[in-house]
Amino acid sequence: MLCTACQSDVPAESAFCPKCGQKLSAEAAMPAERIKQRAQEARGAASDVDQPLWHGSFSAKAMVEKWCLAGLITVIAIVVSVIFPLAIFLAIVVVVAIWLGLAAWLFYQRLSVEYELSSQRFIHRFGVFKRVTNRIEVIDIDDVQVVQGFVERMLQVGTIRILSSDTSDPVLVMPGIDRVNEIATLIDNTRRAERRKRGLHIEAV
């Protein structure tokens, strides 16, 4: 080991330089092997930190087909009320009921479902008045599936199915996920990375 002041060769465990008296830092006085070991320990500790990766819920884009159907019914109701003026009140009631029902359903879905993905676990919260939280360790996830209809593929929204060995949620169905393929890939890559880190085979159950 070299002294930082006079560049003299100093014994590895010395706290002071025997030639110039310079105080050596704890790091400088430490053998190279010990420094390398500490660096590896620090990297290992950093890798064990549970890092947040994604937070999501039900997306309004998943209801586009229903919105379009409601729009079509609204147009038909307007035409009917023009042809049959006596039916205008009924048409208004039907249209308002449909749109309010869709809005209420979206509000309920957004309020009752919440997902969180971190580097070590997947958290699923559901319920409005009674909140239930389930946690799935990402190493317990066995497969990630994506289900999309024709319109959903155009809008990049769909349903994710997580198959795992978790007893509370062996098959977790997540409808209405925006950027569905991107999120499914993120979940799959996260579980693969965690399994590699822990020395487990990727397809092990």
N, C-alpha and C. Protein backbone atom coordinates (compact mmCIF):
# COMPACT_ATOMS: atom_id res chain seq x y z
N MET A 1 0.86 -1.19 0.00
CA MET A 1 0.00 0.00 0.00
C MET A 1 0.89 1.24 0.00
N LEU A 2 0.48 2.31 -0.72
CA LEU A 2 1.27 3.53 -0.81
C LEU A 2 0.66 4.63 0.04
N CYS A 3 1.54 5.43 0.67
CA CYS A 3 1.09 6.60 1.43
C CYS A 3 0.57 7.65 0.46
N THR A 4 -0.55 8.25 0.77
CA THR A 4 -1.15 9.27 -0.11
C THR A 4 -0.37 10.57 -0.11
N ALA A 5 0.51 10.78 0.88
CA ALA A 5 1.28 12.03 0.97
C ALA A 5 2.65 11.91 0.32
N CYS A 6 3.43 10.88 0.75
CA CYS A 6 4.81 10.77 0.24
C CYS A 6 5.02 9.61 -0.71
N GLN A 7 3.97 8.86 -0.95
CA GLN A 7 4.01 7.73 -1.88
C GLN A 7 4.96 6.62 -1.44
N SER A 8 5.28 6.58 -0.11
CA SER A 8 6.14 5.51 0.39
C SER A 8 5.33 4.23 0.57
N ASP A 9 6.04 3.11 0.48
CA ASP A 9 5.38 1.83 0.69
C ASP A 9 5.09 1.66 2.18
N VAL A 10 3.84 1.41 2.51
CA VAL A 10 3.40 1.35 3.89
C VAL A 10 2.79 -0.02 4.15
N PRO A 11 3.06 -0.62 5.32
CA PRO A 11 2.40 -1.90 5.64
C PRO A 11 0.87 -1.79 5.57
N ALA A 12 0.21 -2.85 5.18
CA ALA A 12 -1.22 -2.82 4.87
C ALA A 12 -2.08 -2.36 6.03
N GLU A 13 -1.72 -2.73 7.27
CA GLU A 13 -2.57 -2.43 8.42
C GLU A 13 -2.18 -1.14 9.14
N SER A 14 -1.28 -0.34 8.57
CA SER A 14 -0.79 0.87 9.25
C SER A 14 -1.85 1.95 9.27
N ALA A 15 -1.97 2.65 10.41
CA ALA A 15 -2.87 3.79 10.52
C ALA A 15 -2.15 5.09 10.18
N PHE A 16 -0.79 5.11 10.33
CA PHE A 16 0.02 6.29 10.01
C PHE A 16 1.19 5.84 9.14
N CYS A 17 1.66 6.74 8.27
CA CYS A 17 2.83 6.47 7.44
C CYS A 17 4.07 6.51 8.33
N PRO A 18 4.92 5.47 8.36
CA PRO A 18 6.12 5.47 9.21
C PRO A 18 7.19 6.46 8.75
N LYS A 19 7.09 6.95 7.50
CA LYS A 19 8.10 7.87 6.98
C LYS A 19 7.74 9.33 7.22
N CYS A 20 6.49 9.73 6.85
CA CYS A 20 6.11 11.15 6.99
C CYS A 20 5.08 11.39 8.09
N GLY A 21 4.53 10.34 8.67
CA GLY A 21 3.56 10.50 9.75
C GLY A 21 2.15 10.81 9.28
N GLN A 22 1.88 10.76 7.97
CA GLN A 22 0.56 11.05 7.43
C GLN A 22 -0.46 10.03 7.95
N LYS A 23 -1.60 10.53 8.45
CA LYS A 23 -2.66 9.64 8.91
C LYS A 23 -3.35 9.02 7.71
N LEU A 24 -3.47 7.76 7.72
CA LEU A 24 -4.10 7.04 6.61
C LEU A 24 -5.57 6.82 6.92
N SER A 25 -6.40 7.01 5.91
CA SER A 25 -7.83 6.80 6.11
C SER A 25 -8.13 5.33 6.32
N ALA A 26 -9.28 5.07 6.89
CA ALA A 26 -9.66 3.68 7.15
C ALA A 26 -9.72 2.89 5.87
N GLU A 27 -10.17 3.54 4.79
CA GLU A 27 -10.28 2.87 3.50
C GLU A 27 -8.90 2.60 2.94
N ALA A 28 -7.97 3.59 3.10
CA ALA A 28 -6.62 3.43 2.56
C ALA A 28 -5.86 2.36 3.31
N ALA A 29 -6.09 2.26 4.63
CA ALA A 29 -5.39 1.28 5.44
C ALA A 29 -5.95 -0.12 5.28
N MET A 30 -7.02 -0.24 4.57
CA MET A 30 -7.70 -1.53 4.42
C MET A 30 -7.07 -2.32 3.26
N PRO A 31 -6.85 -3.60 3.42
CA PRO A 31 -6.31 -4.40 2.32
C PRO A 31 -7.26 -4.37 1.11
N ALA A 32 -6.68 -4.54 -0.07
CA ALA A 32 -7.46 -4.47 -1.31
C ALA A 32 -8.57 -5.51 -1.33
N GLU A 33 -8.29 -6.71 -0.79
CA GLU A 33 -9.31 -7.77 -0.78
C GLU A 33 -10.51 -7.36 0.06
N ARG A 34 -10.24 -6.70 1.19
CA ARG A 34 -11.32 -6.27 2.08
C ARG A 34 -12.14 -5.16 1.43
N ILE A 35 -11.46 -4.26 0.71
CA ILE A 35 -12.18 -3.19 0.00
C ILE A 35 -13.10 -3.79 -1.07
N LYS A 36 -12.57 -4.77 -1.78
CA LYS A 36 -13.38 -5.42 -2.82
C LYS A 36 -14.58 -6.14 -2.21
N GLN A 37 -14.34 -6.77 -1.06
CA GLN A 37 -15.43 -7.48 -0.37
C GLN A 37 -16.52 -6.51 0.06
N ARG A 38 -16.11 -5.34 0.60
CA ARG A 38 -17.10 -4.34 1.02
C ARG A 38 -17.91 -3.83 -0.17
N ALA A 39 -17.25 -3.63 -1.31
CA ALA A 39 -17.95 -3.16 -2.51
C ALA A 39 -18.99 -4.18 -2.96
N GLN A 40 -18.61 -5.47 -2.89
CA GLN A 40 -19.56 -6.52 -3.27
C GLN A 40 -20.74 -6.57 -2.31
N GLU A 41 -20.45 -6.39 -1.01
CA GLU A 41 -21.52 -6.38 -0.01
C GLU A 41 -22.48 -5.21 -0.26
N ALA A 42 -21.92 -4.05 -0.62
CA ALA A 42 -22.75 -2.87 -0.90
C ALA A 42 -23.63 -3.09 -2.12
N ARG A 43 -23.06 -3.74 -3.17
CA ARG A 43 -23.86 -4.02 -4.36
C ARG A 43 -24.96 -5.02 -4.05
N GLY A 44 -24.63 -6.03 -3.21
CA GLY A 44 -25.64 -7.01 -2.83
C GLY A 44 -26.76 -6.39 -2.02
N ALA A 45 -26.41 -5.47 -1.11
CA ALA A 45 -27.44 -4.79 -0.31
C ALA A 45 -28.32 -3.93 -1.17
N ALA A 46 -27.72 -3.26 -2.17
CA ALA A 46 -28.51 -2.41 -3.07
C ALA A 46 -29.47 -3.24 -3.90
N SER A 47 -29.02 -4.46 -4.31
CA SER A 47 -29.89 -5.30 -5.13
C SER A 47 -31.06 -5.88 -4.33
N ASP A 48 -30.92 -5.91 -2.99
CA ASP A 48 -31.99 -6.44 -2.15
C ASP A 48 -33.07 -5.41 -1.84
N VAL A 49 -32.85 -4.16 -2.20
CA VAL A 49 -33.84 -3.11 -1.95
C VAL A 49 -35.02 -3.31 -2.89
N ASP A 50 -36.22 -3.27 -2.34
CA ASP A 50 -37.44 -3.47 -3.14
C ASP A 50 -37.78 -2.18 -3.87
N GLN A 51 -37.52 -2.13 -5.17
CA GLN A 51 -37.70 -0.92 -5.97
C GLN A 51 -39.08 -0.90 -6.63
N PRO A 52 -39.85 0.19 -6.51
CA PRO A 52 -41.14 0.28 -7.21
C PRO A 52 -40.93 0.39 -8.72
N LEU A 53 -41.74 -0.35 -9.48
CA LEU A 53 -41.59 -0.38 -10.94
C LEU A 53 -42.82 0.12 -11.70
N TRP A 54 -44.02 -0.15 -11.15
CA TRP A 54 -45.25 0.23 -11.88
C TRP A 54 -46.41 0.32 -10.90
N HIS A 55 -47.30 1.25 -11.19
CA HIS A 55 -48.53 1.41 -10.40
C HIS A 55 -49.66 1.65 -11.38
N GLY A 56 -50.75 0.90 -11.27
CA GLY A 56 -51.83 1.05 -12.24
C GLY A 56 -53.18 0.65 -11.70
N SER A 57 -54.19 0.85 -12.55
CA SER A 57 -55.57 0.52 -12.20
C SER A 57 -56.33 0.26 -13.50
N PHE A 58 -57.64 0.19 -13.39
CA PHE A 58 -58.51 -0.03 -14.56
C PHE A 58 -58.47 1.21 -15.45
N SER A 59 -58.32 1.01 -16.76
CA SER A 59 -58.23 2.12 -17.71
C SER A 59 -59.58 2.36 -18.40
N ALA A 60 -59.91 3.64 -18.59
CA ALA A 60 -61.15 3.99 -19.29
C ALA A 60 -61.13 3.52 -20.74
N LYS A 61 -59.93 3.32 -21.31
CA LYS A 61 -59.82 2.85 -22.69
C LYS A 61 -60.42 1.46 -22.87
N ALA A 62 -60.49 0.70 -21.77
CA ALA A 62 -61.06 -0.65 -21.85
C ALA A 62 -62.56 -0.63 -22.11
N MET A 63 -63.19 0.55 -21.94
CA MET A 63 -64.64 0.65 -22.12
C MET A 63 -65.01 1.34 -23.43
N VAL A 64 -64.06 1.47 -24.34
CA VAL A 64 -64.33 2.18 -25.60
C VAL A 64 -65.49 1.56 -26.37
N GLU A 65 -65.55 0.24 -26.43
CA GLU A 65 -66.65 -0.42 -27.15
C GLU A 65 -68.00 -0.07 -26.52
N LYS A 66 -68.02 -0.03 -25.19
CA LYS A 66 -69.27 0.33 -24.49
C LYS A 66 -69.62 1.79 -24.74
N TRP A 67 -68.60 2.67 -24.74
CA TRP A 67 -68.87 4.09 -25.05
C TRP A 67 -69.46 4.23 -26.46
N CYS A 68 -68.89 3.49 -27.41
CA CYS A 68 -69.38 3.57 -28.79
C CYS A 68 -70.81 3.06 -28.89
N LEU A 69 -71.11 1.96 -28.18
CA LEU A 69 -72.47 1.44 -28.19
C LEU A 69 -73.44 2.43 -27.57
N ALA A 70 -73.01 3.09 -26.49
CA ALA A 70 -73.85 4.11 -25.86
C ALA A 70 -74.09 5.29 -26.80
N GLY A 71 -73.06 5.65 -27.56
CA GLY A 71 -73.22 6.72 -28.54
C GLY A 71 -74.20 6.35 -29.63
N LEU A 72 -74.15 5.09 -30.10
CA LEU A 72 -75.08 4.62 -31.13
C LEU A 72 -76.51 4.64 -30.61
N ILE A 73 -76.70 4.19 -29.36
CA ILE A 73 -78.04 4.20 -28.76
C ILE A 73 -78.55 5.64 -28.62
N THR A 74 -77.65 6.55 -28.29
CA THR A 74 -78.04 7.96 -28.17
C THR A 74 -78.54 8.51 -29.50
N VAL A 75 -77.83 8.19 -30.59
CA VAL A 75 -78.24 8.64 -31.92
C VAL A 75 -79.60 8.06 -32.28
N ILE A 76 -79.79 6.76 -32.02
CA ILE A 76 -81.07 6.12 -32.32
C ILE A 76 -82.19 6.76 -31.50
N ALA A 77 -81.91 7.07 -30.23
CA ALA A 77 -82.92 7.70 -29.38
C ALA A 77 -83.31 9.08 -29.90
N ILE A 78 -82.33 9.82 -30.42
CA ILE A 78 -82.63 11.15 -30.98
C ILE A 78 -83.52 11.02 -32.21
N VAL A 79 -83.19 10.05 -33.07
CA VAL A 79 -83.98 9.84 -34.30
C VAL A 79 -85.41 9.43 -33.94
N VAL A 80 -85.54 8.53 -32.98
CA VAL A 80 -86.87 8.07 -32.56
C VAL A 80 -87.68 9.21 -31.98
N SER A 81 -87.03 10.07 -31.18
CA SER A 81 -87.76 11.19 -30.56
C SER A 81 -88.18 12.23 -31.60
N VAL A 82 -87.43 12.33 -32.70
CA VAL A 82 -87.83 13.25 -33.77
C VAL A 82 -89.04 12.69 -34.52
N ILE A 83 -88.99 11.38 -34.79
CA ILE A 83 -90.09 10.75 -35.51
C ILE A 83 -91.35 10.65 -34.63
N PHE A 84 -91.12 10.30 -33.37
CA PHE A 84 -92.24 10.15 -32.42
C PHE A 84 -92.03 11.12 -31.25
N PRO A 85 -92.51 12.33 -31.37
CA PRO A 85 -92.29 13.34 -30.32
C PRO A 85 -92.79 12.91 -28.94
N LEU A 86 -93.80 12.06 -28.89
CA LEU A 86 -94.32 11.61 -27.59
C LEU A 86 -93.30 10.73 -26.85
N ALA A 87 -92.34 10.17 -27.59
CA ALA A 87 -91.37 9.26 -26.97
C ALA A 87 -90.11 9.99 -26.52
N ILE A 88 -90.09 11.30 -26.61
CA ILE A 88 -88.87 12.05 -26.29
C ILE A 88 -88.46 11.89 -24.82
N PHE A 89 -89.46 11.88 -23.93
CA PHE A 89 -89.14 11.74 -22.50
C PHE A 89 -88.51 10.38 -22.22
N LEU A 90 -89.08 9.32 -22.81
CA LEU A 90 -88.54 7.97 -22.63
C LEU A 90 -87.12 7.88 -23.19
N ALA A 91 -86.92 8.52 -24.35
CA ALA A 91 -85.59 8.49 -24.98
C ALA A 91 -84.55 9.17 -24.09
N ILE A 92 -84.92 10.30 -23.49
CA ILE A 92 -84.00 11.02 -22.60
C ILE A 92 -83.65 10.17 -21.38
N VAL A 93 -84.68 9.54 -20.81
CA VAL A 93 -84.45 8.70 -19.62
C VAL A 93 -83.49 7.56 -19.93
N VAL A 94 -83.73 6.90 -21.08
CA VAL A 94 -82.88 5.76 -21.47
C VAL A 94 -81.44 6.21 -21.69
N VAL A 95 -81.25 7.30 -22.42
CA VAL A 95 -79.90 7.78 -22.74
C VAL A 95 -79.15 8.19 -21.47
N VAL A 96 -79.83 8.96 -20.61
CA VAL A 96 -79.19 9.41 -19.37
C VAL A 96 -78.83 8.22 -18.48
N ALA A 97 -79.74 7.24 -18.41
CA ALA A 97 -79.48 6.06 -17.58
C ALA A 97 -78.26 5.28 -18.09
N ILE A 98 -78.15 5.15 -19.40
CA ILE A 98 -77.02 4.42 -19.98
C ILE A 98 -75.70 5.12 -19.67
N TRP A 99 -75.64 6.42 -19.93
CA TRP A 99 -74.38 7.16 -19.71
C TRP A 99 -74.02 7.23 -18.24
N LEU A 100 -75.01 7.43 -17.38
CA LEU A 100 -74.72 7.45 -15.95
C LEU A 100 -74.26 6.08 -15.45
N GLY A 101 -74.86 5.02 -15.99
CA GLY A 101 -74.45 3.67 -15.61
C GLY A 101 -73.01 3.38 -16.00
N LEU A 102 -72.62 3.78 -17.21
CA LEU A 102 -71.25 3.57 -17.66
C LEU A 102 -70.25 4.38 -16.82
N ALA A 103 -70.61 5.63 -16.54
CA ALA A 103 -69.74 6.48 -15.73
C ALA A 103 -69.58 5.90 -14.32
N ALA A 104 -70.69 5.40 -13.75
CA ALA A 104 -70.64 4.82 -12.41
C ALA A 104 -69.79 3.56 -12.39
N TRP A 105 -69.90 2.75 -13.43
CA TRP A 105 -69.11 1.52 -13.52
C TRP A 105 -67.62 1.84 -13.61
N LEU A 106 -67.26 2.84 -14.43
CA LEU A 106 -65.86 3.24 -14.55
C LEU A 106 -65.33 3.78 -13.22
N PHE A 107 -66.13 4.60 -12.55
CA PHE A 107 -65.73 5.16 -11.26
C PHE A 107 -65.50 4.04 -10.24
N TYR A 108 -66.39 3.07 -10.23
CA TYR A 108 -66.26 1.94 -9.30
C TYR A 108 -64.99 1.14 -9.57
N GLN A 109 -64.74 0.86 -10.84
CA GLN A 109 -63.56 0.08 -11.20
C GLN A 109 -62.27 0.81 -10.83
N ARG A 110 -62.23 2.11 -11.11
CA ARG A 110 -61.04 2.90 -10.79
C ARG A 110 -60.81 2.97 -9.28
N LEU A 111 -61.91 3.02 -8.53
CA LEU A 111 -61.81 3.18 -7.08
C LEU A 111 -61.53 1.87 -6.37
N SER A 112 -61.98 0.76 -6.94
CA SER A 112 -61.94 -0.51 -6.23
C SER A 112 -60.72 -1.37 -6.54
N VAL A 113 -59.99 -1.05 -7.61
CA VAL A 113 -58.88 -1.91 -8.02
C VAL A 113 -57.59 -1.10 -8.13
N GLU A 114 -56.51 -1.65 -7.58
CA GLU A 114 -55.21 -0.98 -7.63
C GLU A 114 -54.11 -2.04 -7.69
N TYR A 115 -53.12 -1.80 -8.54
CA TYR A 115 -52.02 -2.74 -8.71
C TYR A 115 -50.69 -2.03 -8.49
N GLU A 116 -49.75 -2.73 -7.87
CA GLU A 116 -48.40 -2.21 -7.69
C GLU A 116 -47.40 -3.33 -7.97
N LEU A 117 -46.39 -3.02 -8.79
CA LEU A 117 -45.32 -3.97 -9.07
C LEU A 117 -44.00 -3.38 -8.58
N SER A 118 -43.27 -4.18 -7.82
CA SER A 118 -41.93 -3.78 -7.40
C SER A 118 -40.95 -4.86 -7.84
N SER A 119 -39.70 -4.69 -7.54
CA SER A 119 -38.69 -5.65 -7.98
C SER A 119 -38.81 -7.00 -7.27
N GLN A 120 -39.59 -7.06 -6.18
CA GLN A 120 -39.69 -8.30 -5.42
C GLN A 120 -41.11 -8.83 -5.26
N ARG A 121 -42.11 -7.97 -5.40
CA ARG A 121 -43.48 -8.46 -5.18
C ARG A 121 -44.49 -7.71 -6.04
N PHE A 122 -45.64 -8.38 -6.23
CA PHE A 122 -46.78 -7.78 -6.94
C PHE A 122 -47.91 -7.64 -5.93
N ILE A 123 -48.42 -6.42 -5.78
CA ILE A 123 -49.46 -6.13 -4.80
C ILE A 123 -50.77 -5.83 -5.52
N HIS A 124 -51.85 -6.49 -5.08
CA HIS A 124 -53.17 -6.31 -5.68
C HIS A 124 -54.14 -5.90 -4.58
N ARG A 125 -54.73 -4.72 -4.72
CA ARG A 125 -55.72 -4.23 -3.75
C ARG A 125 -57.08 -4.13 -4.44
N PHE A 126 -58.13 -4.59 -3.77
CA PHE A 126 -59.46 -4.47 -4.35
C PHE A 126 -60.50 -4.28 -3.26
N GLY A 127 -61.63 -3.69 -3.66
CA GLY A 127 -62.70 -3.40 -2.71
C GLY A 127 -62.82 -1.91 -2.47
N VAL A 128 -64.05 -1.46 -2.16
CA VAL A 128 -64.30 -0.05 -1.88
C VAL A 128 -64.52 0.14 -0.38
N PHE A 129 -65.56 -0.49 0.15
CA PHE A 129 -65.86 -0.36 1.57
C PHE A 129 -64.99 -1.29 2.41
N LYS A 130 -64.73 -2.48 1.88
CA LYS A 130 -63.83 -3.42 2.54
C LYS A 130 -62.63 -3.65 1.63
N ARG A 131 -61.47 -3.17 2.06
CA ARG A 131 -60.27 -3.23 1.23
C ARG A 131 -59.47 -4.49 1.54
N VAL A 132 -59.17 -5.28 0.51
CA VAL A 132 -58.37 -6.49 0.66
C VAL A 132 -57.07 -6.31 -0.13
N THR A 133 -55.95 -6.60 0.51
CA THR A 133 -54.64 -6.48 -0.13
C THR A 133 -53.97 -7.84 -0.18
N ASN A 134 -53.60 -8.28 -1.38
CA ASN A 134 -52.89 -9.54 -1.57
C ASN A 134 -51.52 -9.26 -2.16
N ARG A 135 -50.53 -9.99 -1.68
CA ARG A 135 -49.16 -9.83 -2.18
C ARG A 135 -48.67 -11.13 -2.78
N ILE A 136 -48.12 -11.03 -3.98
CA ILE A 136 -47.54 -12.19 -4.65
C ILE A 136 -46.05 -11.92 -4.83
N GLU A 137 -45.21 -12.79 -4.30
CA GLU A 137 -43.77 -12.67 -4.53
C GLU A 137 -43.51 -12.93 -6.01
N VAL A 138 -42.71 -12.08 -6.65
CA VAL A 138 -42.51 -12.22 -8.10
C VAL A 138 -41.84 -13.55 -8.46
N ILE A 139 -41.07 -14.12 -7.52
CA ILE A 139 -40.45 -15.42 -7.82
C ILE A 139 -41.49 -16.53 -7.85
N ASP A 140 -42.70 -16.27 -7.30
CA ASP A 140 -43.78 -17.27 -7.32
C ASP A 140 -44.62 -17.19 -8.59
N ILE A 141 -44.39 -16.17 -9.43
CA ILE A 141 -45.14 -16.03 -10.68
C ILE A 141 -44.60 -17.02 -11.70
N ASP A 142 -45.49 -17.85 -12.24
CA ASP A 142 -45.09 -18.89 -13.19
C ASP A 142 -45.30 -18.47 -14.64
N ASP A 143 -46.33 -17.68 -14.91
CA ASP A 143 -46.60 -17.30 -16.30
C ASP A 143 -47.41 -16.01 -16.31
N VAL A 144 -47.25 -15.24 -17.39
CA VAL A 144 -47.98 -13.99 -17.58
C VAL A 144 -48.64 -14.03 -18.95
N GLN A 145 -49.96 -13.95 -18.99
CA GLN A 145 -50.70 -14.03 -20.24
C GLN A 145 -51.41 -12.71 -20.55
N VAL A 146 -51.57 -12.43 -21.83
CA VAL A 146 -52.27 -11.22 -22.28
C VAL A 146 -53.45 -11.64 -23.16
N VAL A 147 -54.63 -11.10 -22.87
CA VAL A 147 -55.83 -11.38 -23.65
C VAL A 147 -56.37 -10.06 -24.19
N GLN A 148 -56.54 -9.97 -25.53
CA GLN A 148 -57.01 -8.74 -26.17
C GLN A 148 -58.02 -9.05 -27.26
N GLY A 149 -59.04 -8.21 -27.36
CA GLY A 149 -59.94 -8.25 -28.49
C GLY A 149 -59.39 -7.41 -29.63
N PHE A 150 -60.14 -7.36 -30.73
CA PHE A 150 -59.67 -6.62 -31.91
C PHE A 150 -59.51 -5.13 -31.61
N VAL A 151 -60.54 -4.52 -31.03
CA VAL A 151 -60.48 -3.09 -30.71
C VAL A 151 -59.42 -2.83 -29.64
N GLU A 152 -59.30 -3.74 -28.68
CA GLU A 152 -58.32 -3.57 -27.62
C GLU A 152 -56.89 -3.57 -28.17
N ARG A 153 -56.64 -4.38 -29.20
CA ARG A 153 -55.29 -4.40 -29.79
C ARG A 153 -54.96 -3.05 -30.42
N MET A 154 -55.94 -2.41 -31.03
CA MET A 154 -55.70 -1.09 -31.63
C MET A 154 -55.44 -0.03 -30.56
N LEU A 155 -56.06 -0.18 -29.40
CA LEU A 155 -55.93 0.80 -28.32
C LEU A 155 -54.83 0.44 -27.32
N GLN A 156 -54.15 -0.71 -27.55
CA GLN A 156 -53.09 -1.18 -26.65
C GLN A 156 -53.57 -1.35 -25.21
N VAL A 157 -54.76 -1.90 -25.07
CA VAL A 157 -55.33 -2.17 -23.76
C VAL A 157 -55.79 -3.62 -23.74
N GLY A 158 -55.91 -4.21 -22.57
CA GLY A 158 -56.35 -5.61 -22.52
C GLY A 158 -56.32 -6.16 -21.11
N THR A 159 -56.40 -7.49 -21.03
CA THR A 159 -56.45 -8.20 -19.75
C THR A 159 -55.16 -8.98 -19.54
N ILE A 160 -54.59 -8.87 -18.34
CA ILE A 160 -53.41 -9.64 -17.97
C ILE A 160 -53.83 -10.74 -17.00
N ARG A 161 -53.40 -11.96 -17.26
CA ARG A 161 -53.64 -13.08 -16.35
C ARG A 161 -52.30 -13.53 -15.79
N ILE A 162 -52.17 -13.48 -14.46
CA ILE A 162 -50.94 -13.90 -13.78
C ILE A 162 -51.18 -15.26 -13.13
N LEU A 163 -50.44 -16.26 -13.57
CA LEU A 163 -50.51 -17.59 -12.99
C LEU A 163 -49.34 -17.75 -12.02
N SER A 164 -49.66 -18.13 -10.78
CA SER A 164 -48.61 -18.21 -9.77
C SER A 164 -48.88 -19.36 -8.81
N SER A 165 -47.89 -19.64 -7.97
CA SER A 165 -48.05 -20.66 -6.93
C SER A 165 -48.57 -20.05 -5.63
N ASP A 166 -48.95 -18.78 -5.67
CA ASP A 166 -49.51 -18.11 -4.50
C ASP A 166 -50.89 -18.70 -4.20
N THR A 167 -51.13 -19.07 -2.94
CA THR A 167 -52.38 -19.74 -2.59
C THR A 167 -53.59 -18.81 -2.60
N SER A 168 -53.38 -17.51 -2.34
CA SER A 168 -54.52 -16.58 -2.31
C SER A 168 -54.97 -16.18 -3.70
N ASP A 169 -54.03 -16.08 -4.65
CA ASP A 169 -54.37 -15.68 -6.03
C ASP A 169 -53.61 -16.53 -7.03
N PRO A 170 -53.95 -17.83 -7.17
CA PRO A 170 -53.22 -18.66 -8.14
C PRO A 170 -53.44 -18.20 -9.58
N VAL A 171 -54.62 -17.62 -9.86
CA VAL A 171 -54.89 -17.05 -11.18
C VAL A 171 -55.47 -15.65 -10.94
N LEU A 172 -54.64 -14.64 -11.13
CA LEU A 172 -55.06 -13.26 -10.93
C LEU A 172 -55.41 -12.65 -12.28
N VAL A 173 -56.67 -12.24 -12.45
CA VAL A 173 -57.14 -11.65 -13.70
C VAL A 173 -57.21 -10.13 -13.53
N MET A 174 -56.52 -9.40 -14.41
CA MET A 174 -56.45 -7.94 -14.34
C MET A 174 -57.02 -7.33 -15.63
N PRO A 175 -58.32 -7.03 -15.67
CA PRO A 175 -58.89 -6.45 -16.89
C PRO A 175 -58.60 -4.96 -17.00
N GLY A 176 -58.67 -4.46 -18.23
CA GLY A 176 -58.58 -3.02 -18.45
C GLY A 176 -57.23 -2.41 -18.17
N ILE A 177 -56.14 -3.09 -18.54
CA ILE A 177 -54.80 -2.57 -18.30
C ILE A 177 -54.30 -1.83 -19.54
N ASP A 178 -53.95 -0.58 -19.37
CA ASP A 178 -53.39 0.22 -20.47
C ASP A 178 -51.95 -0.19 -20.73
N ARG A 179 -51.49 -0.06 -21.99
CA ARG A 179 -50.14 -0.50 -22.40
C ARG A 179 -49.92 -1.95 -21.96
N VAL A 180 -50.89 -2.79 -22.25
CA VAL A 180 -50.96 -4.12 -21.67
C VAL A 180 -49.74 -4.99 -21.99
N ASN A 181 -49.27 -4.95 -23.24
CA ASN A 181 -48.12 -5.79 -23.60
C ASN A 181 -46.84 -5.31 -22.91
N GLU A 182 -46.70 -4.00 -22.80
CA GLU A 182 -45.53 -3.44 -22.12
C GLU A 182 -45.52 -3.82 -20.64
N ILE A 183 -46.68 -3.74 -19.98
CA ILE A 183 -46.76 -4.07 -18.55
C ILE A 183 -46.56 -5.56 -18.34
N ALA A 184 -47.14 -6.39 -19.21
CA ALA A 184 -46.97 -7.84 -19.08
C ALA A 184 -45.50 -8.22 -19.24
N THR A 185 -44.81 -7.60 -20.18
CA THR A 185 -43.38 -7.86 -20.37
C THR A 185 -42.58 -7.42 -19.15
N LEU A 186 -42.95 -6.28 -18.57
CA LEU A 186 -42.28 -5.80 -17.37
C LEU A 186 -42.43 -6.80 -16.21
N ILE A 187 -43.65 -7.31 -16.02
CA ILE A 187 -43.89 -8.29 -14.95
C ILE A 187 -43.06 -9.55 -15.20
N ASP A 188 -43.06 -10.02 -16.45
CA ASP A 188 -42.33 -11.25 -16.78
C ASP A 188 -40.83 -11.06 -16.60
N ASN A 189 -40.29 -9.93 -17.06
CA ASN A 189 -38.86 -9.67 -16.91
C ASN A 189 -38.46 -9.53 -15.44
N THR A 190 -39.37 -8.95 -14.63
CA THR A 190 -39.09 -8.78 -13.21
C THR A 190 -39.00 -10.12 -12.50
N ARG A 191 -39.94 -11.02 -12.80
CA ARG A 191 -39.90 -12.33 -12.14
C ARG A 191 -38.70 -13.14 -12.62
N ARG A 192 -38.29 -12.99 -13.89
CA ARG A 192 -37.11 -13.69 -14.38
C ARG A 192 -35.85 -13.18 -13.70
N ALA A 193 -35.75 -11.84 -13.56
CA ALA A 193 -34.57 -11.25 -12.91
C ALA A 193 -34.47 -11.69 -11.46
N GLU A 194 -35.59 -11.74 -10.75
CA GLU A 194 -35.58 -12.14 -9.34
C GLU A 194 -35.21 -13.62 -9.20
N ARG A 195 -35.67 -14.44 -10.12
CA ARG A 195 -35.34 -15.87 -10.06
C ARG A 195 -33.85 -16.10 -10.36
N ARG A 196 -33.32 -15.32 -11.32
CA ARG A 196 -31.88 -15.45 -11.61
C ARG A 196 -31.07 -15.03 -10.39
N LYS A 197 -31.48 -13.94 -9.75
CA LYS A 197 -30.75 -13.43 -8.59
C LYS A 197 -30.74 -14.44 -7.45
N ARG A 198 -31.84 -15.18 -7.30
CA ARG A 198 -31.94 -16.15 -6.21
C ARG A 198 -31.52 -17.57 -6.63
N GLY A 199 -31.05 -17.68 -7.86
CA GLY A 199 -30.53 -18.97 -8.30
C GLY A 199 -31.57 -19.99 -8.62
N LEU A 200 -32.79 -19.55 -8.99
CA LEU A 200 -33.86 -20.49 -9.33
C LEU A 200 -33.97 -20.61 -10.84
N HIS A 201 -34.39 -21.81 -11.29
CA HIS A 201 -34.61 -22.01 -12.71
C HIS A 201 -35.81 -21.18 -13.15
N ILE A 202 -35.71 -20.60 -14.35
CA ILE A 202 -36.75 -19.67 -14.82
C ILE A 202 -38.12 -20.33 -14.85
N GLU A 203 -38.22 -21.57 -15.26
CA GLU A 203 -39.52 -22.22 -15.39
C GLU A 203 -39.87 -23.06 -14.17
N ALA A 204 -39.09 -22.95 -13.10
CA ALA A 204 -39.39 -23.75 -11.91
C ALA A 204 -40.68 -23.28 -11.27
N VAL A 205 -41.48 -24.22 -10.78
CA VAL A 205 -42.76 -23.88 -10.14
C VAL A 205 -42.53 -23.79 -8.64
